Amino acid sequence: MFKDLKKKYKATLKSSETEDWLDYRVVRPLCYFLAVIFAKLNIHPNTVTIASMFIGAASSVFFMHGSFYYEGWSGFWLNVIGVLLLCVADLFDCTDGQLARLTGKKSRLGRILDGMAGFTWFIPIYVLLMVRFYHYHSLEFGLLGIPDTEQNALIATAVVTALALYSGFVCMGPQQRVADYYIQIHLFMLKGEKGSELDTSEQQQKTYDETPSEGNRLWKYFLKTYVDYTRKQEKDTPEFQKLMAALRQKYGSAGNMPDEIRGELLQESRRIMPWNAMLTFNFRSAMFFLFCLIDLPVGNFLFEIIGMGLLTYCIIRHHEARCRSIRMKI
């Protein structure tokens, strides 16, 4: 019975190789438990994704409060509630995929919604962090020796807002987009086309063009969003795109590549997976929680821009160099 349960659980995972330790040992088993409950209640995976969006967005109200330095224990615990809500949102966001694989209710809309979930959480969180900084900034001003005046508060809030916008739209969004793409590349090399969601912008554009506008305006909006999403993933990985084109030209389909080439790509992918996992929720959110709890949320924006930016650059450069090397051999 235990072996049967374990087999069913593993069938709901994309691959253990694309999960970090916390996800594989803690988060995914919890998500499987939730997926079984939702399946019995006949709750659709997309409903779970949408619920995660609302829960994650609700956490922003609690992160708006200063933590212990500014509001004492009450502020600290309000931030902890925000942490817990965001963790629940992530649990739901992970559950939707396992629920879809458990029930067979996979859909393109689910894939699109899943990619949108993180933005739905962090846009309101970042907006209310700006409100938080405007009211609670004496710690940063003290560290930098800036007089705490109304004019300086307004100027500093404008600067921090620019940092937040850059951090969210130029750094975090693209970083997570790249992380998702490398996971799909890994699954493609490991399981082939049926075991991955390595969508191309050309395929998605064709689906968009073939979908009639009459009665499908909202759906076409989602499709257009996904076309742009996949196009940006391809733009971030030019050498991989050239390699895939070379494989299609020589073997008719990238899926028909020789085992030797697949093995090389899989080996390289396995090298970057632990680093790639740091671009996803667990590590990123742990740092975000830390900065909020110590009353230095501005530090999170700098960490996203500098620390995570360098990590993303190194991952892309390393994988792209390997793809270039393999392509030259073909």
C-alpha atoms as a PDB file:
ATOM      1  CA  MET A   1       0.000   0.000   0.000  1.00  0.00           C
ATOM      2  CA  PHE A   2       2.819   2.380   0.923  1.00  0.00           C
ATOM      3  CA  LYS A   3       4.648   1.573  -2.332  1.00  0.00           C
ATOM      4  CA  ASP A   4       1.454   2.224  -4.301  1.00  0.00           C
ATOM      5  CA  LEU A   5       0.968   5.572  -2.549  1.00  0.00           C
ATOM      6  CA  LYS A   6       4.595   6.521  -3.195  1.00  0.00           C
ATOM      7  CA  LYS A   7       4.201   5.596  -6.868  1.00  0.00           C
ATOM      8  CA  LYS A   8       1.086   7.783  -7.174  1.00  0.00           C
ATOM      9  CA  TYR A   9       2.877  10.647  -5.441  1.00  0.00           C
ATOM     10  CA  LYS A  10       5.886  10.448  -7.788  1.00  0.00           C
ATOM     11  CA  ALA A  11       3.539  10.396 -10.782  1.00  0.00           C
ATOM     12  CA  THR A  12       2.362  13.900  -9.801  1.00  0.00           C
ATOM     13  CA  LEU A  13       5.905  15.301  -9.924  1.00  0.00           C
ATOM     14  CA  LYS A  14       7.525  16.701 -13.048  1.00  0.00           C
ATOM     15  CA  SER A  15      10.858  15.240 -11.943  1.00  0.00           C
ATOM     16  CA  SER A  16      12.763  14.983  -8.671  1.00  0.00           C
ATOM     17  CA  GLU A  17      15.758  16.429 -10.537  1.00  0.00           C
ATOM     18  CA  THR A  18      14.044  19.808 -10.994  1.00  0.00           C
ATOM     19  CA  GLU A  19      13.139  20.154  -7.301  1.00  0.00           C
ATOM     20  CA  ASP A  20      15.343  21.464  -4.511  1.00  0.00           C
ATOM     21  CA  TRP A  21      15.611  19.566  -1.197  1.00  0.00           C
ATOM     22  CA  LEU A  22      12.876  21.533   0.592  1.00  0.00           C
ATOM     23  CA  ASP A  23      10.439  21.149  -2.284  1.00  0.00           C
ATOM     24  CA  TYR A  24      11.050  17.427  -2.744  1.00  0.00           C
ATOM     25  CA  ARG A  25      11.085  16.471   0.935  1.00  0.00           C
ATOM     26  CA  VAL A  26       8.541  18.884   2.422  1.00  0.00           C
ATOM     27  CA  VAL A  27       6.582  21.058  -0.022  1.00  0.00           C
ATOM     28  CA  ARG A  28       5.706  18.451  -2.660  1.00  0.00           C
ATOM     29  CA  PRO A  29       4.435  15.810  -0.167  1.00  0.00           C
ATOM     30  CA  LEU A  30       2.214  18.490   1.437  1.00  0.00           C
ATOM     31  CA  CYS A  31       1.006  19.524  -2.017  1.00  0.00           C
ATOM     32  CA  TYR A  32       0.198  15.916  -2.883  1.00  0.00           C
ATOM     33  CA  PHE A  33      -1.901  15.646   0.275  1.00  0.00           C
ATOM     34  CA  LEU A  34      -3.768  18.827  -0.725  1.00  0.00           C
ATOM     35  CA  ALA A  35      -4.105  17.604  -4.324  1.00  0.00           C
ATOM     36  CA  VAL A  36      -5.791  14.376  -3.144  1.00  0.00           C
ATOM     37  CA  ILE A  37      -8.255  16.407  -1.044  1.00  0.00           C
ATOM     38  CA  PHE A  38      -8.996  18.837  -3.900  1.00  0.00           C
ATOM     39  CA  ALA A  39      -9.451  15.905  -6.303  1.00  0.00           C
ATOM     40  CA  LYS A  40     -12.018  14.315  -3.989  1.00  0.00           C
ATOM     41  CA  LEU A  41     -13.834  17.662  -3.762  1.00  0.00           C
ATOM     42  CA  ASN A  42     -13.717  17.913  -7.589  1.00  0.00           C
ATOM     43  CA  ILE A  43     -11.894  21.269  -7.428  1.00  0.00           C
ATOM     44  CA  HIS A  44     -10.260  22.224 -10.723  1.00  0.00           C
ATOM     45  CA  PRO A  45      -6.489  22.955 -10.760  1.00  0.00           C
ATOM     46  CA  ASN A  46      -7.122  26.435 -12.213  1.00  0.00           C
ATOM     47  CA  THR A  47      -9.345  27.240  -9.229  1.00  0.00           C
ATOM     48  CA  VAL A  48      -6.453  26.364  -6.918  1.00  0.00           C
ATOM     49  CA  THR A  49      -4.114  28.626  -8.930  1.00  0.00           C
ATOM     50  CA  ILE A  50      -6.540  31.546  -8.712  1.00  0.00           C
ATOM     51  CA  ALA A  51      -6.932  30.952  -4.957  1.00  0.00           C
ATOM     52  CA  SER A  52      -3.132  31.132  -4.616  1.00  0.00           C
ATOM     53  CA  MET A  53      -3.175  34.520  -6.353  1.00  0.00           C
ATOM     54  CA  PHE A  54      -5.681  35.962  -3.872  1.00  0.00           C
ATOM     55  CA  ILE A  55      -3.899  34.485  -0.835  1.00  0.00           C
ATOM     56  CA  GLY A  56      -0.503  35.759  -1.997  1.00  0.00           C
ATOM     57  CA  ALA A  57      -1.891  39.223  -2.753  1.00  0.00           C
ATOM     58  CA  ALA A  58      -3.554  39.319   0.697  1.00  0.00           C
ATOM     59  CA  SER A  59      -0.148  38.896   2.353  1.00  0.00           C
ATOM     60  CA  SER A  60       0.820  42.379   1.096  1.00  0.00           C
ATOM     61  CA  VAL A  61      -1.403  44.003   3.747  1.00  0.00           C
ATOM     62  CA  PHE A  62       0.716  42.430   6.494  1.00  0.00           C
ATOM     63  CA  PHE A  63       4.086  43.233   4.899  1.00  0.00           C
ATOM     64  CA  MET A  64       3.010  46.877   4.808  1.00  0.00           C
ATOM     65  CA  HIS A  65       3.591  47.050   8.586  1.00  0.00           C
ATOM     66  CA  GLY A  66       6.974  47.717  10.103  1.00  0.00           C
ATOM     67  CA  SER A  67       8.461  44.756  11.950  1.00  0.00           C
ATOM     68  CA  PHE A  68       9.927  44.685  15.492  1.00  0.00           C
ATOM     69  CA  TYR A  69      12.182  47.765  15.161  1.00  0.00           C
ATOM     70  CA  TYR A  70       9.232  50.023  14.325  1.00  0.00           C
ATOM     71  CA  GLU A  71       6.086  48.362  15.693  1.00  0.00           C
ATOM     72  CA  GLY A  72       7.418  45.992  18.337  1.00  0.00           C
ATOM     73  CA  TRP A  73       6.099  42.452  18.677  1.00  0.00           C
ATOM     74  CA  SER A  74       2.756  43.295  17.060  1.00  0.00           C
ATOM     75  CA  GLY A  75       4.546  44.440  13.888  1.00  0.00           C
ATOM     76  CA  PHE A  76       6.797  41.387  13.969  1.00  0.00           C
ATOM     77  CA  TRP A  77       3.852  38.993  14.183  1.00  0.00           C
ATOM     78  CA  LEU A  78       1.961  40.839  11.451  1.00  0.00           C
ATOM     79  CA  ASN A  79       4.964  40.264   9.194  1.00  0.00           C
ATOM     80  CA  VAL A  80       5.027  36.608  10.249  1.00  0.00           C
ATOM     81  CA  ILE A  81       1.372  36.321   9.180  1.00  0.00           C
ATOM     82  CA  GLY A  82       2.416  37.760   5.824  1.00  0.00           C
ATOM     83  CA  VAL A  83       5.157  35.111   5.597  1.00  0.00           C
ATOM     84  CA  LEU A  84       2.688  32.320   6.383  1.00  0.00           C
ATOM     85  CA  LEU A  85       0.133  33.572   3.852  1.00  0.00           C
ATOM     86  CA  LEU A  86       2.775  33.746   1.130  1.00  0.00           C
ATOM     87  CA  CYS A  87       3.913  30.216   2.000  1.00  0.00           C
ATOM     88  CA  VAL A  88       0.311  28.989   1.746  1.00  0.00           C
ATOM     89  CA  ALA A  89       0.008  30.760  -1.619  1.00  0.00           C
ATOM     90  CA  ASP A  90       3.125  28.919  -2.808  1.00  0.00           C
ATOM     91  CA  LEU A  91       1.719  25.603  -1.533  1.00  0.00           C
ATOM     92  CA  PHE A  92      -1.426  26.183  -3.570  1.00  0.00           C
ATOM     93  CA  ASP A  93       0.631  27.270  -6.593  1.00  0.00           C
ATOM     94  CA  CYS A  94       2.620  24.025  -6.391  1.00  0.00           C
ATOM     95  CA  THR A  95      -0.512  21.954  -5.726  1.00  0.00           C
ATOM     96  CA  ASP A  96      -2.247  23.015  -8.946  1.00  0.00           C
ATOM     97  CA  GLY A  97       0.307  21.237 -11.129  1.00  0.00           C
ATOM     98  CA  GLN A  98       0.237  18.051  -9.059  1.00  0.00           C
ATOM     99  CA  LEU A  99      -3.566  18.159  -9.043  1.00  0.00           C
ATOM    100  CA  ALA A 100      -3.573  18.549 -12.836  1.00  0.00           C
ATOM    101  CA  ARG A 101      -1.302  15.520 -13.256  1.00  0.00           C
ATOM    102  CA  LEU A 102      -3.292  13.538 -10.683  1.00  0.00           C
ATOM    103  CA  THR A 103      -6.651  14.199 -12.360  1.00  0.00           C
ATOM    104  CA  GLY A 104      -5.495  14.586 -15.963  1.00  0.00           C
ATOM    105  CA  LYS A 105      -6.953  18.109 -16.063  1.00  0.00           C
ATOM    106  CA  LYS A 106      -4.000  19.791 -17.748  1.00  0.00           C
ATOM    107  CA  SER A 107      -4.694  22.873 -19.850  1.00  0.00           C
ATOM    108  CA  ARG A 108      -2.922  25.684 -21.651  1.00  0.00           C
ATOM    109  CA  LEU A 109      -4.841  28.149 -19.445  1.00  0.00           C
ATOM    110  CA  GLY A 110      -3.423  26.430 -16.373  1.00  0.00           C
ATOM    111  CA  ARG A 111       0.107  26.820 -17.732  1.00  0.00           C
ATOM    112  CA  ILE A 112      -0.539  30.529 -18.399  1.00  0.00           C
ATOM    113  CA  LEU A 113      -2.123  31.159 -14.985  1.00  0.00           C
ATOM    114  CA  ASP A 114       0.734  29.357 -13.257  1.00  0.00           C
ATOM    115  CA  GLY A 115       3.224  31.720 -14.884  1.00  0.00           C
ATOM    116  CA  MET A 116       1.163  34.735 -13.794  1.00  0.00           C
ATOM    117  CA  ALA A 117       0.773  33.725 -10.132  1.00  0.00           C
ATOM    118  CA  GLY A 118       4.080  35.132  -8.861  1.00  0.00           C
ATOM    119  CA  PHE A 119       3.452  38.539 -10.436  1.00  0.00           C
ATOM    120  CA  THR A 120      -0.041  38.603  -8.931  1.00  0.00           C
ATOM    121  CA  TRP A 121       1.514  38.189  -5.485  1.00  0.00           C
ATOM    122  CA  PHE A 122       4.440  40.535  -5.754  1.00  0.00           C
ATOM    123  CA  ILE A 123       2.883  43.536  -7.501  1.00  0.00           C
ATOM    124  CA  PRO A 124       0.663  44.413  -4.496  1.00  0.00           C
ATOM    125  CA  ILE A 125       3.435  43.377  -2.084  1.00  0.00           C
ATOM    126  CA  TYR A 126       5.954  45.725  -3.712  1.00  0.00           C
ATOM    127  CA  VAL A 127       3.408  48.566  -3.919  1.00  0.00           C
ATOM    128  CA  LEU A 128       2.637  48.341  -0.200  1.00  0.00           C
ATOM    129  CA  LEU A 129       6.330  48.024   0.628  1.00  0.00           C
ATOM    130  CA  MET A 130       6.668  51.527  -0.845  1.00  0.00           C
ATOM    131  CA  VAL A 131       4.006  52.695   1.613  1.00  0.00           C
ATOM    132  CA  ARG A 132       5.901  50.911   4.371  1.00  0.00           C
ATOM    133  CA  PHE A 133       9.165  52.605   3.447  1.00  0.00           C
ATOM    134  CA  TYR A 134       7.560  56.061   3.373  1.00  0.00           C
ATOM    135  CA  HIS A 135       6.333  55.612   6.951  1.00  0.00           C
ATOM    136  CA  TYR A 136       9.241  53.536   8.289  1.00  0.00           C
ATOM    137  CA  HIS A 137      12.662  54.553   6.997  1.00  0.00           C
ATOM    138  CA  SER A 138      14.567  55.904  10.000  1.00  0.00           C
ATOM    139  CA  LEU A 139      16.753  52.772  10.123  1.00  0.00           C
ATOM    140  CA  GLU A 140      17.973  53.294   6.534  1.00  0.00           C
ATOM    141  CA  PHE A 141      18.326  57.058   7.044  1.00  0.00           C
ATOM    142  CA  GLY A 142      20.344  56.451  10.202  1.00  0.00           C
ATOM    143  CA  LEU A 143      22.663  53.992   8.454  1.00  0.00           C
ATOM    144  CA  LEU A 144      23.244  56.455   5.575  1.00  0.00           C
ATOM    145  CA  GLY A 145      23.346  59.601   7.733  1.00  0.00           C
ATOM    146  CA  ILE A 146      20.366  61.233   5.975  1.00  0.00           C
ATOM    147  CA  PRO A 147      18.293  63.792   7.946  1.00  0.00           C
ATOM    148  CA  ASP A 148      14.757  62.466   8.440  1.00  0.00           C
ATOM    149  CA  THR A 149      12.749  65.297   6.844  1.00  0.00           C
ATOM    150  CA  GLU A 150       9.537  65.153   4.797  1.00  0.00           C
ATOM    151  CA  GLN A 151      11.374  66.233   1.656  1.00  0.00           C
ATOM    152  CA  ASN A 152      14.055  63.581   2.098  1.00  0.00           C
ATOM    153  CA  ALA A 153      11.371  60.959   2.792  1.00  0.00           C
ATOM    154  CA  LEU A 154       9.591  61.775  -0.478  1.00  0.00           C
ATOM    155  CA  ILE A 155      12.835  61.744  -2.490  1.00  0.00           C
ATOM    156  CA  ALA A 156      13.994  58.493  -0.895  1.00  0.00           C
ATOM    157  CA  THR A 157      10.590  56.863  -1.480  1.00  0.00           C
ATOM    158  CA  ALA A 158      10.772  57.857  -5.169  1.00  0.00           C
ATOM    159  CA  VAL A 159      14.251  56.296  -5.429  1.00  0.00           C
ATOM    160  CA  VAL A 160      13.129  53.117  -3.673  1.00  0.00           C
ATOM    161  CA  THR A 161      10.070  52.944  -5.933  1.00  0.00           C
ATOM    162  CA  ALA A 162      12.389  53.025  -8.963  1.00  0.00           C
ATOM    163  CA  LEU A 163      14.451  50.233  -7.365  1.00  0.00           C
ATOM    164  CA  ALA A 164      11.292  48.204  -6.727  1.00  0.00           C
ATOM    165  CA  LEU A 165      10.089  48.608 -10.314  1.00  0.00           C
ATOM    166  CA  TYR A 166      13.492  47.611 -11.685  1.00  0.00           C
ATOM    167  CA  SER A 167      13.754  44.733  -9.233  1.00  0.00           C
ATOM    168  CA  GLY A 168      10.313  43.366 -10.057  1.00  0.00           C
ATOM    169  CA  PHE A 169       9.910  43.939 -13.794  1.00  0.00           C
ATOM    170  CA  VAL A 170      13.518  43.846 -15.016  1.00  0.00           C
ATOM    171  CA  CYS A 171      14.995  41.350 -12.549  1.00  0.00           C
ATOM    172  CA  MET A 172      12.578  39.067 -10.678  1.00  0.00           C
ATOM    173  CA  GLY A 173      10.121  38.515 -13.540  1.00  0.00           C
ATOM    174  CA  PRO A 174      12.745  37.651 -16.168  1.00  0.00           C
ATOM    175  CA  GLN A 175      14.752  35.601 -13.667  1.00  0.00           C
ATOM    176  CA  GLN A 176      11.761  33.405 -12.851  1.00  0.00           C
ATOM    177  CA  ARG A 177      10.915  33.181 -16.539  1.00  0.00           C
ATOM    178  CA  VAL A 178      14.424  31.875 -17.259  1.00  0.00           C
ATOM    179  CA  ALA A 179      14.256  29.447 -14.327  1.00  0.00           C
ATOM    180  CA  ASP A 180      10.969  28.030 -15.635  1.00  0.00           C
ATOM    181  CA  TYR A 181      12.449  27.644 -19.122  1.00  0.00           C
ATOM    182  CA  TYR A 182      15.498  25.748 -17.908  1.00  0.00           C
ATOM    183  CA  ILE A 183      13.231  23.399 -15.964  1.00  0.00           C
ATOM    184  CA  GLN A 184      11.268  22.688 -19.155  1.00  0.00           C
ATOM    185  CA  ILE A 185      14.528  22.191 -21.099  1.00  0.00           C
ATOM    186  CA  HIS A 186      15.659  19.676 -18.489  1.00  0.00           C
ATOM    187  CA  LEU A 187      12.344  17.816 -18.656  1.00  0.00           C
ATOM    188  CA  PHE A 188      12.548  17.758 -22.453  1.00  0.00           C
ATOM    189  CA  MET A 189      15.997  16.180 -22.351  1.00  0.00           C
ATOM    190  CA  LEU A 190      14.907  13.759 -19.611  1.00  0.00           C
ATOM    191  CA  LYS A 191      11.431  12.743 -20.810  1.00  0.00           C
ATOM    192  CA  GLY A 192      11.003  14.056 -24.328  1.00  0.00           C
ATOM    193  CA  GLU A 193       8.221  16.241 -25.708  1.00  0.00           C
ATOM    194  CA  LYS A 194       5.392  14.491 -23.845  1.00  0.00           C
ATOM    195  CA  GLY A 195       7.106  14.911 -20.478  1.00  0.00           C
ATOM    196  CA  SER A 196       7.751  18.640 -20.769  1.00  0.00           C
ATOM    197  CA  GLU A 197       6.029  21.914 -21.583  1.00  0.00           C
ATOM    198  CA  LEU A 198       8.803  23.298 -23.778  1.00  0.00           C
ATOM    199  CA  ASP A 199       6.468  25.477 -25.806  1.00  0.00           C
ATOM    200  CA  THR A 200       7.723  27.627 -28.667  1.00  0.00           C
ATOM    201  CA  SER A 201       6.512  31.110 -29.519  1.00  0.00           C
ATOM    202  CA  GLU A 202       5.855  29.914 -33.074  1.00  0.00           C
ATOM    203  CA  GLN A 203       3.463  27.222 -31.814  1.00  0.00           C
ATOM    204  CA  GLN A 204       1.725  29.644 -29.465  1.00  0.00           C
ATOM    205  CA  GLN A 205       1.448  32.325 -32.154  1.00  0.00           C
ATOM    206  CA  LYS A 206      -0.207  29.771 -34.453  1.00  0.00           C
ATOM    207  CA  THR A 207      -2.719  28.887 -31.719  1.00  0.00           C
ATOM    208  CA  TYR A 208      -3.403  32.583 -31.157  1.00  0.00           C
ATOM    209  CA  ASP A 209      -3.903  33.265 -34.879  1.00  0.00           C
ATOM    210  CA  GLU A 210      -6.224  30.270 -35.310  1.00  0.00           C
ATOM    211  CA  THR A 211      -8.425  31.226 -32.342  1.00  0.00           C
ATOM    212  CA  PRO A 212     -11.438  33.294 -33.476  1.00  0.00           C
ATOM    213  CA  SER A 213     -11.866  36.647 -31.701  1.00  0.00           C
ATOM    214  CA  GLU A 214     -15.649  36.359 -31.461  1.00  0.00           C
ATOM    215  CA  GLY A 215     -16.489  35.103 -27.989  1.00  0.00           C
ATOM    216  CA  ASN A 216     -12.813  34.501 -27.116  1.00  0.00           C
ATOM    217  CA  ARG A 217     -11.473  37.958 -26.341  1.00  0.00           C
ATOM    218  CA  LEU A 218     -10.342  37.112 -22.786  1.00  0.00           C
ATOM    219  CA  TRP A 219      -8.872  33.797 -23.912  1.00  0.00           C
ATOM    220  CA  LYS A 220      -7.007  35.520 -26.748  1.00  0.00           C
ATOM    221  CA  TYR A 221      -5.598  37.996 -24.225  1.00  0.00           C
ATOM    222  CA  PHE A 222      -4.202  35.088 -22.199  1.00  0.00           C
ATOM    223  CA  LEU A 223      -2.834  33.471 -25.353  1.00  0.00           C
ATOM    224  CA  LYS A 224      -1.159  36.718 -26.422  1.00  0.00           C
ATOM    225  CA  THR A 225       0.415  37.015 -22.984  1.00  0.00           C
ATOM    226  CA  TYR A 226       1.792  33.488 -23.310  1.00  0.00           C
ATOM    227  CA  VAL A 227       3.116  34.169 -26.823  1.00  0.00           C
ATOM    228  CA  ASP A 228       5.092  37.122 -25.417  1.00  0.00           C
ATOM    229  CA  TYR A 229       6.251  34.998 -22.462  1.00  0.00           C
ATOM    230  CA  THR A 230       7.654  32.213 -24.671  1.00  0.00           C
ATOM    231  CA  ARG A 231       9.167  34.727 -27.093  1.00  0.00           C
ATOM    232  CA  LYS A 232      11.105  36.355 -24.242  1.00  0.00           C
ATOM    233  CA  GLN A 233      12.320  32.947 -23.037  1.00  0.00           C
ATOM    234  CA  GLU A 234      13.706  32.286 -26.508  1.00  0.00           C
ATOM    235  CA  LYS A 235      15.315  35.720 -26.667  1.00  0.00           C
ATOM    236  CA  ASP A 236      17.109  35.014 -23.368  1.00  0.00           C
ATOM    237  CA  THR A 237      18.619  31.784 -24.766  1.00  0.00           C
ATOM    238  CA  PRO A 238      19.825  32.440 -28.344  1.00  0.00           C
ATOM    239  CA  GLU A 239      22.453  29.670 -28.414  1.00  0.00           C
ATOM    240  CA  PHE A 240      19.960  27.080 -27.221  1.00  0.00           C
ATOM    241  CA  GLN A 241      17.552  28.200 -29.956  1.00  0.00           C
ATOM    242  CA  LYS A 242      20.320  27.821 -32.577  1.00  0.00           C
ATOM    243  CA  LEU A 243      21.102  24.354 -31.229  1.00  0.00           C
ATOM    244  CA  MET A 244      17.435  23.289 -31.416  1.00  0.00           C
ATOM    245  CA  ALA A 245      17.228  24.631 -34.985  1.00  0.00           C
ATOM    246  CA  ALA A 246      20.371  22.679 -35.938  1.00  0.00           C
ATOM    247  CA  LEU A 247      18.937  19.488 -34.397  1.00  0.00           C
ATOM    248  CA  ARG A 248      15.651  19.921 -36.266  1.00  0.00           C
ATOM    249  CA  GLN A 249      17.492  20.516 -39.520  1.00  0.00           C
ATOM    250  CA  LYS A 250      19.715  17.449 -39.195  1.00  0.00           C
ATOM    251  CA  TYR A 251      17.406  14.957 -37.489  1.00  0.00           C
ATOM    252  CA  GLY A 252      13.951  16.210 -38.515  1.00  0.00           C
ATOM    253  CA  SER A 253      12.997  16.893 -34.892  1.00  0.00           C
ATOM    254  CA  ALA A 254      14.939  17.896 -31.804  1.00  0.00           C
ATOM    255  CA  GLY A 255      13.384  14.885 -30.092  1.00  0.00           C
ATOM    256  CA  ASN A 256      15.234  12.613 -32.543  1.00  0.00           C
ATOM    257  CA  MET A 257      18.683  13.774 -31.420  1.00  0.00           C
ATOM    258  CA  PRO A 258      21.223  10.990 -30.744  1.00  0.00           C
ATOM    259  CA  ASP A 259      21.546   9.737 -27.171  1.00  0.00           C
ATOM    260  CA  GLU A 260      25.105  11.099 -27.061  1.00  0.00           C
ATOM    261  CA  ILE A 261      23.933  14.687 -27.607  1.00  0.00           C
ATOM    262  CA  ARG A 262      20.967  14.225 -25.280  1.00  0.00           C
ATOM    263  CA  GLY A 263      23.307  12.896 -22.617  1.00  0.00           C
ATOM    264  CA  GLU A 264      25.636  15.899 -22.943  1.00  0.00           C
ATOM    265  CA  LEU A 265      22.757  18.347 -22.655  1.00  0.00           C
ATOM    266  CA  LEU A 266      21.243  16.464 -19.737  1.00  0.00           C
ATOM    267  CA  GLN A 267      24.582  16.396 -17.935  1.00  0.00           C
ATOM    268  CA  GLU A 268      24.933  20.160 -18.350  1.00  0.00           C
ATOM    269  CA  SER A 269      21.343  20.690 -17.261  1.00  0.00           C
ATOM    270  CA  ARG A 270      21.902  18.643 -14.114  1.00  0.00           C
ATOM    271  CA  ARG A 271      24.867  20.866 -13.250  1.00  0.00           C
ATOM    272  CA  ILE A 272      22.792  24.045 -13.333  1.00  0.00           C
ATOM    273  CA  MET A 273      19.576  22.691 -11.730  1.00  0.00           C
ATOM    274  CA  PRO A 274      20.677  23.337  -8.100  1.00  0.00           C
ATOM    275  CA  TRP A 275      21.598  26.923  -9.025  1.00  0.00           C
ATOM    276  CA  ASN A 276      18.481  27.317 -11.127  1.00  0.00           C
ATOM    277  CA  ALA A 277      16.378  26.257  -8.128  1.00  0.00           C
ATOM    278  CA  MET A 278      17.672  29.325  -6.271  1.00  0.00           C
ATOM    279  CA  LEU A 279      15.830  31.506  -8.790  1.00  0.00           C
ATOM    280  CA  THR A 280      12.480  29.981  -7.823  1.00  0.00           C
ATOM    281  CA  PHE A 281      10.340  30.577  -4.744  1.00  0.00           C
ATOM    282  CA  ASN A 282      12.123  28.982  -1.767  1.00  0.00           C
ATOM    283  CA  PHE A 283      15.494  30.751  -1.700  1.00  0.00           C
ATOM    284  CA  ARG A 284      14.166  34.011  -3.112  1.00  0.00           C
ATOM    285  CA  SER A 285      11.291  34.229  -0.636  1.00  0.00           C
ATOM    286  CA  ALA A 286      13.517  33.233   2.305  1.00  0.00           C
ATOM    287  CA  MET A 287      15.676  36.292   1.615  1.00  0.00           C
ATOM    288  CA  PHE A 288      12.579  38.457   1.183  1.00  0.00           C
ATOM    289  CA  PHE A 289      11.211  37.258   4.543  1.00  0.00           C
ATOM    290  CA  LEU A 290      14.546  37.958   6.233  1.00  0.00           C
ATOM    291  CA  PHE A 291      14.760  41.531   4.945  1.00  0.00           C
ATOM    292  CA  CYS A 292      11.160  42.256   5.981  1.00  0.00           C
ATOM    293  CA  LEU A 293      11.567  40.785   9.465  1.00  0.00           C
ATOM    294  CA  ILE A 294      14.748  42.797  10.157  1.00  0.00           C
ATOM    295  CA  ASP A 295      13.008  45.963   8.884  1.00  0.00           C
ATOM    296  CA  LEU A 296      15.224  46.449   5.828  1.00  0.00           C
ATOM    297  CA  PRO A 297      12.920  45.582   2.882  1.00  0.00           C
ATOM    298  CA  VAL A 298      14.980  47.867   0.619  1.00  0.00           C
ATOM    299  CA  GLY A 299      17.770  45.317   0.985  1.00  0.00           C
ATOM    300  CA  ASN A 300      15.563  42.807  -0.836  1.00  0.00           C
ATOM    301  CA  PHE A 301      15.429  45.000  -3.939  1.00  0.00           C
ATOM    302  CA  LEU A 302      19.208  45.360  -3.971  1.00  0.00           C
ATOM    303  CA  PHE A 303      19.585  41.599  -3.456  1.00  0.00           C
ATOM    304  CA  GLU A 304      17.244  40.896  -6.386  1.00  0.00           C
ATOM    305  CA  ILE A 305      19.097  43.300  -8.653  1.00  0.00           C
ATOM    306  CA  ILE A 306      22.685  42.448  -7.718  1.00  0.00           C
ATOM    307  CA  GLY A 307      22.776  38.971  -6.165  1.00  0.00           C
ATOM    308  CA  MET A 308      20.074  37.237  -8.157  1.00  0.00           C
ATOM    309  CA  GLY A 309      21.026  39.178 -11.280  1.00  0.00           C
ATOM    310  CA  LEU A 310      24.588  37.837 -11.149  1.00  0.00           C
ATOM    311  CA  LEU A 311      23.336  34.307 -10.493  1.00  0.00           C
ATOM    312  CA  THR A 312      20.985  34.459 -13.494  1.00  0.00           C
ATOM    313  CA  TYR A 313      23.753  35.824 -15.718  1.00  0.00           C
ATOM    314  CA  CYS A 314      26.118  33.010 -14.722  1.00  0.00           C
ATOM    315  CA  ILE A 315      23.481  30.297 -15.282  1.00  0.00           C
ATOM    316  CA  ILE A 316      22.562  31.596 -18.742  1.00  0.00           C
ATOM    317  CA  ARG A 317      26.172  32.148 -19.792  1.00  0.00           C
ATOM    318  CA  HIS A 318      27.221  28.672 -18.648  1.00  0.00           C
ATOM    319  CA  HIS A 319      24.345  26.880 -20.385  1.00  0.00           C
ATOM    320  CA  GLU A 320      24.601  28.968 -23.552  1.00  0.00           C
ATOM    321  CA  ALA A 321      28.342  28.243 -23.841  1.00  0.00           C
ATOM    322  CA  ARG A 322      27.648  24.514 -23.588  1.00  0.00           C
ATOM    323  CA  CYS A 323      24.905  24.725 -26.231  1.00  0.00           C
ATOM    324  CA  ARG A 324      27.269  26.589 -28.553  1.00  0.00           C
ATOM    325  CA  SER A 325      29.956  23.939 -28.056  1.00  0.00           C
ATOM    326  CA  ILE A 326      27.552  21.075 -28.818  1.00  0.00           C
ATOM    327  CA  ARG A 327      26.135  22.877 -31.863  1.00  0.00           C
ATOM    328  CA  MET A 328      29.630  23.270 -33.339  1.00  0.00           C
ATOM    329  CA  LYS A 329      30.033  19.468 -33.237  1.00  0.00           C
ATOM    330  CA  ILE A 330      26.851  18.787 -35.210  1.00  0.00           C
END
